[in-house]
Amino acid sequence: MAVFLWVGLSLKPSEIPSPFINKPAPSFSAAKLEVPEEKLSPADLIGQVWLLNVWASWCVSCRGEHPILNNLADKNVVTIIGLNYKDDPANAKQWLDTLGNPYSASITDQEGRIGIDYGVYGVPETFVIDKKGIIRHKQTGPVTEQDVQNILLPLIAKLQAES
């Protein structure tokens, strides 16, 4: 029993394996936060590498990673889609107005169904999805500048170079 406890305590939450790696991103059609009458789905993003960042205005860790996402968006190297998770749309819009908006679009998931389909443990989480709609990486917890430099940017460059 002690061995299992020791192993469990040594795991890093950001390294929780995902059964979705190398599998198609689950499909959805969700309302855009800024324009609720418009919908977005993974099919709309086929042909480009993109990140799906799961966030909420009530999430303290999301606030911590947000400047890093803003900096990544400023580099203009990848499309970043936000999945606003179990949040009030008015609070989410105010949060983006105040802290900046790194997202090409942010979609709403007030009931958490899309999050369930993606195996979201909590917020924030970030997925890297390739041009064919295949999940290639999942980050549980906030993205750090080291993650951007050492994991995300090299993976994005590799995926963008693939046909």
N, C-alpha and C. Protein backbone atom coordinates (compact mmCIF):
# COMPACT_ATOMS: atom_id res chain seq x y z
N MET A 1 0.83 -1.18 0.00
CA MET A 1 0.00 0.00 0.00
C MET A 1 0.89 1.26 0.00
N ALA A 2 1.95 1.23 0.79
CA ALA A 2 2.85 2.37 0.87
C ALA A 2 3.50 2.66 -0.48
N VAL A 3 3.81 1.62 -1.25
CA VAL A 3 4.42 1.79 -2.56
C VAL A 3 3.46 2.53 -3.49
N PHE A 4 2.18 2.15 -3.50
CA PHE A 4 1.19 2.82 -4.35
C PHE A 4 1.03 4.28 -3.95
N LEU A 5 1.02 4.55 -2.65
CA LEU A 5 0.92 5.93 -2.17
C LEU A 5 2.14 6.72 -2.63
N TRP A 6 3.33 6.16 -2.50
CA TRP A 6 4.55 6.85 -2.90
C TRP A 6 4.53 7.15 -4.40
N VAL A 7 4.13 6.16 -5.20
CA VAL A 7 4.06 6.35 -6.65
C VAL A 7 3.04 7.44 -6.97
N GLY A 8 1.87 7.38 -6.34
CA GLY A 8 0.83 8.38 -6.59
C GLY A 8 1.28 9.78 -6.22
N LEU A 9 1.99 9.92 -5.13
CA LEU A 9 2.46 11.24 -4.71
C LEU A 9 3.56 11.77 -5.60
N SER A 10 4.25 10.89 -6.31
CA SER A 10 5.35 11.33 -7.17
C SER A 10 4.88 11.77 -8.55
N LEU A 11 3.61 11.50 -8.88
CA LEU A 11 3.09 11.91 -10.18
C LEU A 11 2.89 13.41 -10.23
N LYS A 12 3.14 13.98 -11.39
CA LYS A 12 2.92 15.40 -11.61
C LYS A 12 1.60 15.57 -12.34
N PRO A 13 0.69 16.44 -11.83
CA PRO A 13 -0.61 16.59 -12.50
C PRO A 13 -0.49 16.99 -13.96
N SER A 14 0.54 17.77 -14.31
CA SER A 14 0.68 18.20 -15.71
C SER A 14 1.08 17.05 -16.62
N GLU A 15 1.46 15.90 -16.03
CA GLU A 15 1.88 14.76 -16.83
C GLU A 15 0.87 13.62 -16.80
N ILE A 16 -0.38 13.91 -16.41
CA ILE A 16 -1.41 12.90 -16.42
C ILE A 16 -1.63 12.47 -17.86
N PRO A 17 -1.46 11.17 -18.14
CA PRO A 17 -1.62 10.74 -19.53
C PRO A 17 -3.07 10.88 -19.97
N SER A 18 -3.25 11.16 -21.22
CA SER A 18 -4.59 11.30 -21.78
C SER A 18 -4.84 10.18 -22.76
N PRO A 19 -6.01 9.52 -22.66
CA PRO A 19 -6.34 8.49 -23.65
C PRO A 19 -6.63 9.07 -25.03
N PHE A 20 -6.70 10.41 -25.13
CA PHE A 20 -7.03 11.06 -26.39
C PHE A 20 -5.82 11.37 -27.26
N ILE A 21 -4.62 11.22 -26.71
CA ILE A 21 -3.42 11.52 -27.49
C ILE A 21 -3.38 10.60 -28.71
N ASN A 22 -3.11 11.21 -29.87
CA ASN A 22 -3.05 10.53 -31.16
C ASN A 22 -4.41 9.98 -31.63
N LYS A 23 -5.47 10.58 -31.10
CA LYS A 23 -6.83 10.23 -31.52
C LYS A 23 -7.54 11.51 -31.98
N PRO A 24 -8.57 11.38 -32.81
CA PRO A 24 -9.28 12.57 -33.27
C PRO A 24 -9.87 13.37 -32.11
N ALA A 25 -9.77 14.68 -32.21
CA ALA A 25 -10.38 15.56 -31.22
C ALA A 25 -11.89 15.33 -31.23
N PRO A 26 -12.50 15.19 -30.07
CA PRO A 26 -13.96 15.02 -30.03
C PRO A 26 -14.67 16.18 -30.73
N SER A 27 -15.72 15.84 -31.42
CA SER A 27 -16.48 16.84 -32.16
C SER A 27 -17.40 17.62 -31.24
N PHE A 28 -17.64 18.86 -31.60
CA PHE A 28 -18.61 19.70 -30.92
C PHE A 28 -19.04 20.78 -31.89
N SER A 29 -20.11 21.43 -31.57
CA SER A 29 -20.53 22.65 -32.25
C SER A 29 -21.00 23.56 -31.14
N ALA A 30 -20.23 24.58 -30.85
CA ALA A 30 -20.50 25.41 -29.68
C ALA A 30 -20.59 26.88 -30.06
N ALA A 31 -21.39 27.59 -29.30
CA ALA A 31 -21.58 29.02 -29.51
C ALA A 31 -20.30 29.78 -29.15
N LYS A 32 -19.98 30.78 -29.96
CA LYS A 32 -18.86 31.65 -29.65
C LYS A 32 -19.26 32.60 -28.51
N LEU A 33 -18.34 32.83 -27.62
CA LEU A 33 -18.59 33.69 -26.47
C LEU A 33 -18.97 35.10 -26.91
N GLU A 34 -18.23 35.66 -27.83
CA GLU A 34 -18.45 37.05 -28.25
C GLU A 34 -19.63 37.21 -29.21
N VAL A 35 -19.93 36.14 -29.96
CA VAL A 35 -21.02 36.19 -30.94
C VAL A 35 -21.82 34.89 -30.80
N PRO A 36 -22.71 34.79 -29.79
CA PRO A 36 -23.37 33.52 -29.49
C PRO A 36 -24.18 32.91 -30.63
N GLU A 37 -24.60 33.72 -31.59
CA GLU A 37 -25.35 33.15 -32.71
C GLU A 37 -24.44 32.43 -33.71
N GLU A 38 -23.12 32.60 -33.57
CA GLU A 38 -22.17 31.88 -34.41
C GLU A 38 -21.63 30.68 -33.66
N LYS A 39 -21.41 29.59 -34.41
CA LYS A 39 -20.91 28.35 -33.82
C LYS A 39 -19.51 28.05 -34.36
N LEU A 40 -18.77 27.27 -33.60
CA LEU A 40 -17.44 26.82 -34.00
C LEU A 40 -17.34 25.33 -33.71
N SER A 41 -16.67 24.61 -34.59
CA SER A 41 -16.43 23.18 -34.38
C SER A 41 -15.00 22.85 -34.80
N PRO A 42 -14.46 21.72 -34.35
CA PRO A 42 -13.13 21.32 -34.79
C PRO A 42 -13.02 21.19 -36.31
N ALA A 43 -14.11 20.84 -36.97
CA ALA A 43 -14.09 20.72 -38.43
C ALA A 43 -13.73 22.05 -39.09
N ASP A 44 -14.07 23.17 -38.43
CA ASP A 44 -13.74 24.50 -38.97
C ASP A 44 -12.25 24.77 -38.95
N LEU A 45 -11.50 23.98 -38.18
CA LEU A 45 -10.08 24.23 -37.98
C LEU A 45 -9.19 23.23 -38.70
N ILE A 46 -9.81 22.31 -39.45
CA ILE A 46 -9.02 21.33 -40.21
C ILE A 46 -8.09 22.09 -41.17
N GLY A 47 -6.85 21.64 -41.24
CA GLY A 47 -5.87 22.28 -42.11
C GLY A 47 -4.94 23.21 -41.36
N GLN A 48 -5.20 23.42 -40.08
CA GLN A 48 -4.29 24.26 -39.27
C GLN A 48 -4.03 23.60 -37.92
N VAL A 49 -2.86 23.88 -37.38
CA VAL A 49 -2.52 23.45 -36.03
C VAL A 49 -3.17 24.46 -35.09
N TRP A 50 -3.77 23.96 -34.01
CA TRP A 50 -4.43 24.87 -33.08
C TRP A 50 -4.34 24.36 -31.65
N LEU A 51 -4.48 25.29 -30.73
CA LEU A 51 -4.53 24.96 -29.31
C LEU A 51 -5.96 25.14 -28.83
N LEU A 52 -6.40 24.24 -27.98
CA LEU A 52 -7.66 24.40 -27.27
C LEU A 52 -7.30 24.62 -25.82
N ASN A 53 -7.56 25.82 -25.32
CA ASN A 53 -7.24 26.17 -23.94
C ASN A 53 -8.54 26.24 -23.14
N VAL A 54 -8.67 25.38 -22.14
CA VAL A 54 -9.85 25.33 -21.29
C VAL A 54 -9.62 26.29 -20.13
N TRP A 55 -10.53 27.26 -19.97
CA TRP A 55 -10.34 28.32 -18.98
C TRP A 55 -11.68 28.76 -18.40
N ALA A 56 -11.61 29.52 -17.31
CA ALA A 56 -12.80 30.10 -16.69
C ALA A 56 -12.40 31.35 -15.92
N SER A 57 -13.30 32.29 -15.83
CA SER A 57 -13.02 33.54 -15.12
C SER A 57 -12.85 33.32 -13.63
N TRP A 58 -13.42 32.25 -13.09
CA TRP A 58 -13.33 31.95 -11.66
C TRP A 58 -12.06 31.18 -11.31
N CYS A 59 -11.26 30.85 -12.29
CA CYS A 59 -10.08 30.00 -12.10
C CYS A 59 -8.82 30.83 -11.81
N VAL A 60 -8.27 30.65 -10.62
CA VAL A 60 -7.08 31.40 -10.21
C VAL A 60 -5.87 31.03 -11.08
N SER A 61 -5.69 29.74 -11.35
CA SER A 61 -4.55 29.30 -12.17
C SER A 61 -4.66 29.82 -13.60
N CYS A 62 -5.89 29.98 -14.10
CA CYS A 62 -6.09 30.53 -15.44
C CYS A 62 -5.58 31.96 -15.51
N ARG A 63 -5.82 32.70 -14.44
CA ARG A 63 -5.34 34.08 -14.38
C ARG A 63 -3.81 34.11 -14.43
N GLY A 64 -3.19 33.14 -13.78
CA GLY A 64 -1.73 33.07 -13.78
C GLY A 64 -1.15 32.74 -15.14
N GLU A 65 -1.81 31.87 -15.90
CA GLU A 65 -1.27 31.50 -17.22
C GLU A 65 -1.66 32.48 -18.31
N HIS A 66 -2.64 33.33 -18.04
CA HIS A 66 -3.18 34.20 -19.09
C HIS A 66 -2.15 35.11 -19.75
N PRO A 67 -1.25 35.75 -19.01
CA PRO A 67 -0.22 36.57 -19.69
C PRO A 67 0.66 35.75 -20.63
N ILE A 68 0.89 34.50 -20.29
CA ILE A 68 1.70 33.63 -21.14
C ILE A 68 0.95 33.33 -22.44
N LEU A 69 -0.36 33.10 -22.34
CA LEU A 69 -1.16 32.89 -23.55
C LEU A 69 -1.23 34.16 -24.39
N ASN A 70 -1.34 35.31 -23.74
CA ASN A 70 -1.32 36.58 -24.49
C ASN A 70 0.00 36.73 -25.25
N ASN A 71 1.11 36.40 -24.61
CA ASN A 71 2.42 36.48 -25.28
C ASN A 71 2.51 35.50 -26.44
N LEU A 72 1.98 34.29 -26.24
CA LEU A 72 1.99 33.30 -27.32
C LEU A 72 1.14 33.80 -28.49
N ALA A 73 -0.01 34.36 -28.19
CA ALA A 73 -0.88 34.90 -29.25
C ALA A 73 -0.18 36.02 -30.00
N ASP A 74 0.60 36.85 -29.30
CA ASP A 74 1.33 37.94 -29.94
C ASP A 74 2.36 37.43 -30.94
N LYS A 75 2.88 36.21 -30.72
CA LYS A 75 3.86 35.62 -31.65
C LYS A 75 3.19 35.19 -32.96
N ASN A 76 1.87 35.01 -32.93
CA ASN A 76 1.08 34.68 -34.12
C ASN A 76 1.59 33.41 -34.81
N VAL A 77 1.92 32.37 -34.00
CA VAL A 77 2.44 31.13 -34.56
C VAL A 77 1.40 30.01 -34.57
N VAL A 78 0.28 30.20 -33.85
CA VAL A 78 -0.73 29.15 -33.75
C VAL A 78 -2.08 29.79 -33.42
N THR A 79 -3.13 29.18 -33.90
CA THR A 79 -4.48 29.60 -33.55
C THR A 79 -4.79 29.08 -32.16
N ILE A 80 -5.26 29.97 -31.30
CA ILE A 80 -5.64 29.57 -29.94
C ILE A 80 -7.15 29.73 -29.81
N ILE A 81 -7.79 28.61 -29.48
CA ILE A 81 -9.23 28.62 -29.25
C ILE A 81 -9.45 28.43 -27.75
N GLY A 82 -10.28 29.28 -27.18
CA GLY A 82 -10.62 29.15 -25.77
C GLY A 82 -11.88 28.34 -25.60
N LEU A 83 -11.90 27.49 -24.59
CA LEU A 83 -13.10 26.78 -24.18
C LEU A 83 -13.47 27.30 -22.80
N ASN A 84 -14.42 28.22 -22.76
CA ASN A 84 -14.84 28.82 -21.50
C ASN A 84 -15.73 27.82 -20.77
N TYR A 85 -15.19 27.29 -19.68
CA TYR A 85 -15.72 26.10 -19.01
C TYR A 85 -16.53 26.44 -17.77
N LYS A 86 -17.81 26.05 -17.78
CA LYS A 86 -18.70 26.19 -16.63
C LYS A 86 -18.63 27.59 -16.03
N ASP A 87 -18.79 28.57 -16.89
CA ASP A 87 -18.60 29.97 -16.51
C ASP A 87 -19.80 30.79 -16.94
N ASP A 88 -19.98 31.92 -16.30
CA ASP A 88 -21.00 32.88 -16.71
C ASP A 88 -20.43 33.69 -17.88
N PRO A 89 -21.12 33.72 -19.02
CA PRO A 89 -20.58 34.43 -20.19
C PRO A 89 -20.27 35.90 -19.93
N ALA A 90 -21.07 36.58 -19.13
CA ALA A 90 -20.80 37.99 -18.83
C ALA A 90 -19.49 38.14 -18.05
N ASN A 91 -19.25 37.26 -17.10
CA ASN A 91 -18.00 37.29 -16.34
C ASN A 91 -16.81 36.97 -17.25
N ALA A 92 -17.01 36.01 -18.15
CA ALA A 92 -15.93 35.62 -19.07
C ALA A 92 -15.56 36.78 -20.00
N LYS A 93 -16.57 37.45 -20.55
CA LYS A 93 -16.31 38.59 -21.44
C LYS A 93 -15.58 39.71 -20.70
N GLN A 94 -16.02 39.99 -19.48
CA GLN A 94 -15.36 41.05 -18.70
C GLN A 94 -13.91 40.67 -18.40
N TRP A 95 -13.69 39.41 -18.09
CA TRP A 95 -12.35 38.91 -17.78
C TRP A 95 -11.42 39.13 -18.98
N LEU A 96 -11.90 38.77 -20.19
CA LEU A 96 -11.09 38.96 -21.39
C LEU A 96 -10.89 40.44 -21.70
N ASP A 97 -11.91 41.27 -21.48
CA ASP A 97 -11.78 42.71 -21.70
C ASP A 97 -10.72 43.30 -20.78
N THR A 98 -10.65 42.79 -19.56
CA THR A 98 -9.71 43.31 -18.56
C THR A 98 -8.29 42.80 -18.76
N LEU A 99 -8.16 41.48 -19.02
CA LEU A 99 -6.84 40.84 -19.05
C LEU A 99 -6.26 40.66 -20.45
N GLY A 100 -7.05 40.97 -21.47
CA GLY A 100 -6.60 40.75 -22.84
C GLY A 100 -7.17 39.44 -23.35
N ASN A 101 -7.28 39.35 -24.67
CA ASN A 101 -7.90 38.19 -25.28
C ASN A 101 -6.93 37.51 -26.25
N PRO A 102 -6.33 36.39 -25.83
CA PRO A 102 -5.39 35.68 -26.70
C PRO A 102 -6.08 34.77 -27.72
N TYR A 103 -7.39 34.65 -27.63
CA TYR A 103 -8.11 33.65 -28.41
C TYR A 103 -8.58 34.18 -29.76
N SER A 104 -8.39 33.37 -30.79
CA SER A 104 -8.99 33.67 -32.09
C SER A 104 -10.50 33.62 -31.95
N ALA A 105 -10.96 32.71 -31.12
CA ALA A 105 -12.37 32.60 -30.74
C ALA A 105 -12.40 31.86 -29.41
N SER A 106 -13.41 32.17 -28.63
CA SER A 106 -13.65 31.43 -27.40
C SER A 106 -15.07 30.91 -27.47
N ILE A 107 -15.24 29.64 -27.16
CA ILE A 107 -16.56 29.04 -27.19
C ILE A 107 -17.02 28.77 -25.76
N THR A 108 -18.33 28.65 -25.59
CA THR A 108 -18.86 28.46 -24.25
C THR A 108 -19.24 26.99 -24.01
N ASP A 109 -18.98 26.56 -22.79
CA ASP A 109 -19.30 25.20 -22.34
C ASP A 109 -19.86 25.30 -20.93
N GLN A 110 -21.00 25.95 -20.80
CA GLN A 110 -21.56 26.22 -19.48
C GLN A 110 -21.93 24.95 -18.72
N GLU A 111 -22.36 23.91 -19.41
CA GLU A 111 -22.73 22.67 -18.74
C GLU A 111 -21.53 21.73 -18.54
N GLY A 112 -20.43 21.99 -19.23
CA GLY A 112 -19.25 21.16 -19.09
C GLY A 112 -19.24 19.92 -19.97
N ARG A 113 -20.14 19.82 -20.91
CA ARG A 113 -20.22 18.62 -21.75
C ARG A 113 -19.03 18.46 -22.68
N ILE A 114 -18.59 19.57 -23.27
CA ILE A 114 -17.41 19.49 -24.16
C ILE A 114 -16.20 19.09 -23.33
N GLY A 115 -16.07 19.69 -22.15
CA GLY A 115 -14.97 19.33 -21.26
C GLY A 115 -14.96 17.85 -20.93
N ILE A 116 -16.13 17.28 -20.67
CA ILE A 116 -16.22 15.85 -20.38
C ILE A 116 -15.74 15.05 -21.59
N ASP A 117 -16.17 15.44 -22.78
CA ASP A 117 -15.77 14.73 -24.00
C ASP A 117 -14.25 14.75 -24.20
N TYR A 118 -13.60 15.82 -23.74
CA TYR A 118 -12.15 15.95 -23.87
C TYR A 118 -11.40 15.39 -22.67
N GLY A 119 -12.12 14.87 -21.69
CA GLY A 119 -11.47 14.30 -20.51
C GLY A 119 -10.85 15.35 -19.61
N VAL A 120 -11.46 16.52 -19.54
CA VAL A 120 -10.92 17.62 -18.73
C VAL A 120 -11.05 17.26 -17.25
N TYR A 121 -9.93 17.37 -16.53
CA TYR A 121 -9.89 17.12 -15.10
C TYR A 121 -10.25 18.39 -14.32
N GLY A 122 -9.92 19.52 -14.89
CA GLY A 122 -10.12 20.82 -14.25
C GLY A 122 -9.54 21.89 -15.15
N VAL A 123 -9.58 23.10 -14.70
CA VAL A 123 -9.04 24.19 -15.51
C VAL A 123 -7.81 24.77 -14.82
N PRO A 124 -6.87 25.24 -15.59
CA PRO A 124 -6.76 25.21 -17.04
C PRO A 124 -6.20 23.88 -17.55
N GLU A 125 -6.55 23.60 -18.78
CA GLU A 125 -5.95 22.51 -19.54
C GLU A 125 -5.78 23.00 -20.97
N THR A 126 -4.77 22.49 -21.64
CA THR A 126 -4.48 22.93 -23.01
C THR A 126 -4.17 21.71 -23.87
N PHE A 127 -4.78 21.68 -25.04
CA PHE A 127 -4.58 20.60 -26.00
C PHE A 127 -3.95 21.18 -27.26
N VAL A 128 -2.99 20.44 -27.84
CA VAL A 128 -2.43 20.78 -29.14
C VAL A 128 -3.06 19.82 -30.14
N ILE A 129 -3.68 20.39 -31.18
CA ILE A 129 -4.40 19.60 -32.17
C ILE A 129 -3.79 19.88 -33.55
N ASP A 130 -3.50 18.82 -34.28
CA ASP A 130 -2.80 18.97 -35.55
C ASP A 130 -3.75 19.32 -36.70
N LYS A 131 -3.18 19.45 -37.90
CA LYS A 131 -3.95 19.87 -39.08
C LYS A 131 -5.06 18.90 -39.46
N LYS A 132 -4.93 17.65 -39.06
CA LYS A 132 -5.94 16.65 -39.38
C LYS A 132 -6.99 16.49 -38.28
N GLY A 133 -6.84 17.29 -37.21
CA GLY A 133 -7.80 17.21 -36.11
C GLY A 133 -7.46 16.16 -35.07
N ILE A 134 -6.18 15.78 -35.00
CA ILE A 134 -5.72 14.76 -34.05
C ILE A 134 -5.07 15.45 -32.85
N ILE A 135 -5.44 15.03 -31.65
CA ILE A 135 -4.83 15.58 -30.43
C ILE A 135 -3.41 15.03 -30.32
N ARG A 136 -2.44 15.92 -30.22
CA ARG A 136 -1.03 15.51 -30.14
C ARG A 136 -0.40 15.76 -28.77
N HIS A 137 -1.04 16.59 -27.95
CA HIS A 137 -0.48 16.90 -26.62
C HIS A 137 -1.59 17.42 -25.73
N LYS A 138 -1.51 17.07 -24.46
CA LYS A 138 -2.42 17.62 -23.46
C LYS A 138 -1.60 18.10 -22.28
N GLN A 139 -1.87 19.31 -21.85
CA GLN A 139 -1.23 19.89 -20.68
C GLN A 139 -2.30 20.09 -19.62
N THR A 140 -2.17 19.42 -18.50
CA THR A 140 -3.07 19.62 -17.38
C THR A 140 -2.43 20.64 -16.44
N GLY A 141 -3.16 21.69 -16.12
CA GLY A 141 -2.62 22.75 -15.29
C GLY A 141 -2.14 23.90 -16.14
N PRO A 142 -1.69 24.97 -15.48
CA PRO A 142 -1.31 26.16 -16.22
C PRO A 142 -0.08 25.97 -17.10
N VAL A 143 -0.13 26.59 -18.27
CA VAL A 143 1.02 26.63 -19.17
C VAL A 143 2.00 27.66 -18.62
N THR A 144 3.27 27.26 -18.57
CA THR A 144 4.32 28.18 -18.13
C THR A 144 5.13 28.64 -19.34
N GLU A 145 5.95 29.64 -19.14
CA GLU A 145 6.83 30.10 -20.22
C GLU A 145 7.77 28.98 -20.64
N GLN A 146 8.24 28.17 -19.68
CA GLN A 146 9.10 27.03 -20.01
C GLN A 146 8.35 26.02 -20.88
N ASP A 147 7.07 25.79 -20.57
CA ASP A 147 6.27 24.88 -21.39
C ASP A 147 6.16 25.40 -22.82
N VAL A 148 5.95 26.70 -22.96
CA VAL A 148 5.84 27.29 -24.30
C VAL A 148 7.13 27.07 -25.07
N GLN A 149 8.27 27.40 -24.44
CA GLN A 149 9.55 27.32 -25.11
C GLN A 149 10.00 25.88 -25.37
N ASN A 150 9.81 25.00 -24.38
CA ASN A 150 10.37 23.65 -24.46
C ASN A 150 9.44 22.59 -25.04
N ILE A 151 8.12 22.83 -24.97
CA ILE A 151 7.17 21.83 -25.43
C ILE A 151 6.31 22.35 -26.58
N LEU A 152 5.58 23.43 -26.32
CA LEU A 152 4.57 23.88 -27.28
C LEU A 152 5.16 24.39 -28.59
N LEU A 153 6.08 25.34 -28.53
CA LEU A 153 6.62 25.90 -29.77
C LEU A 153 7.31 24.85 -30.64
N PRO A 154 8.17 23.97 -30.06
CA PRO A 154 8.77 22.93 -30.91
C PRO A 154 7.73 21.98 -31.51
N LEU A 155 6.71 21.60 -30.72
CA LEU A 155 5.68 20.71 -31.24
C LEU A 155 4.85 21.40 -32.32
N ILE A 156 4.49 22.64 -32.11
CA ILE A 156 3.73 23.40 -33.11
C ILE A 156 4.52 23.50 -34.41
N ALA A 157 5.80 23.83 -34.32
CA ALA A 157 6.64 23.94 -35.52
C ALA A 157 6.70 22.60 -36.26
N LYS A 158 6.87 21.52 -35.52
CA LYS A 158 6.91 20.19 -36.13
C LYS A 158 5.59 19.87 -36.82
N LEU A 159 4.49 20.12 -36.16
CA LEU A 159 3.17 19.80 -36.73
C LEU A 159 2.86 20.68 -37.93
N GLN A 160 3.29 21.94 -37.90
CA GLN A 160 3.03 22.82 -39.03
C GLN A 160 3.84 22.44 -40.25
N ALA A 161 4.99 21.82 -40.03
CA ALA A 161 5.84 21.40 -41.14
C ALA A 161 5.31 20.13 -41.81
N GLU A 162 4.47 19.39 -41.10
CA GLU A 162 3.90 18.17 -41.67
C GLU A 162 2.80 18.52 -42.66
N SER A 163 2.65 17.64 -43.66
CA SER A 163 1.60 17.90 -44.65
C SER A 163 0.29 17.27 -44.26
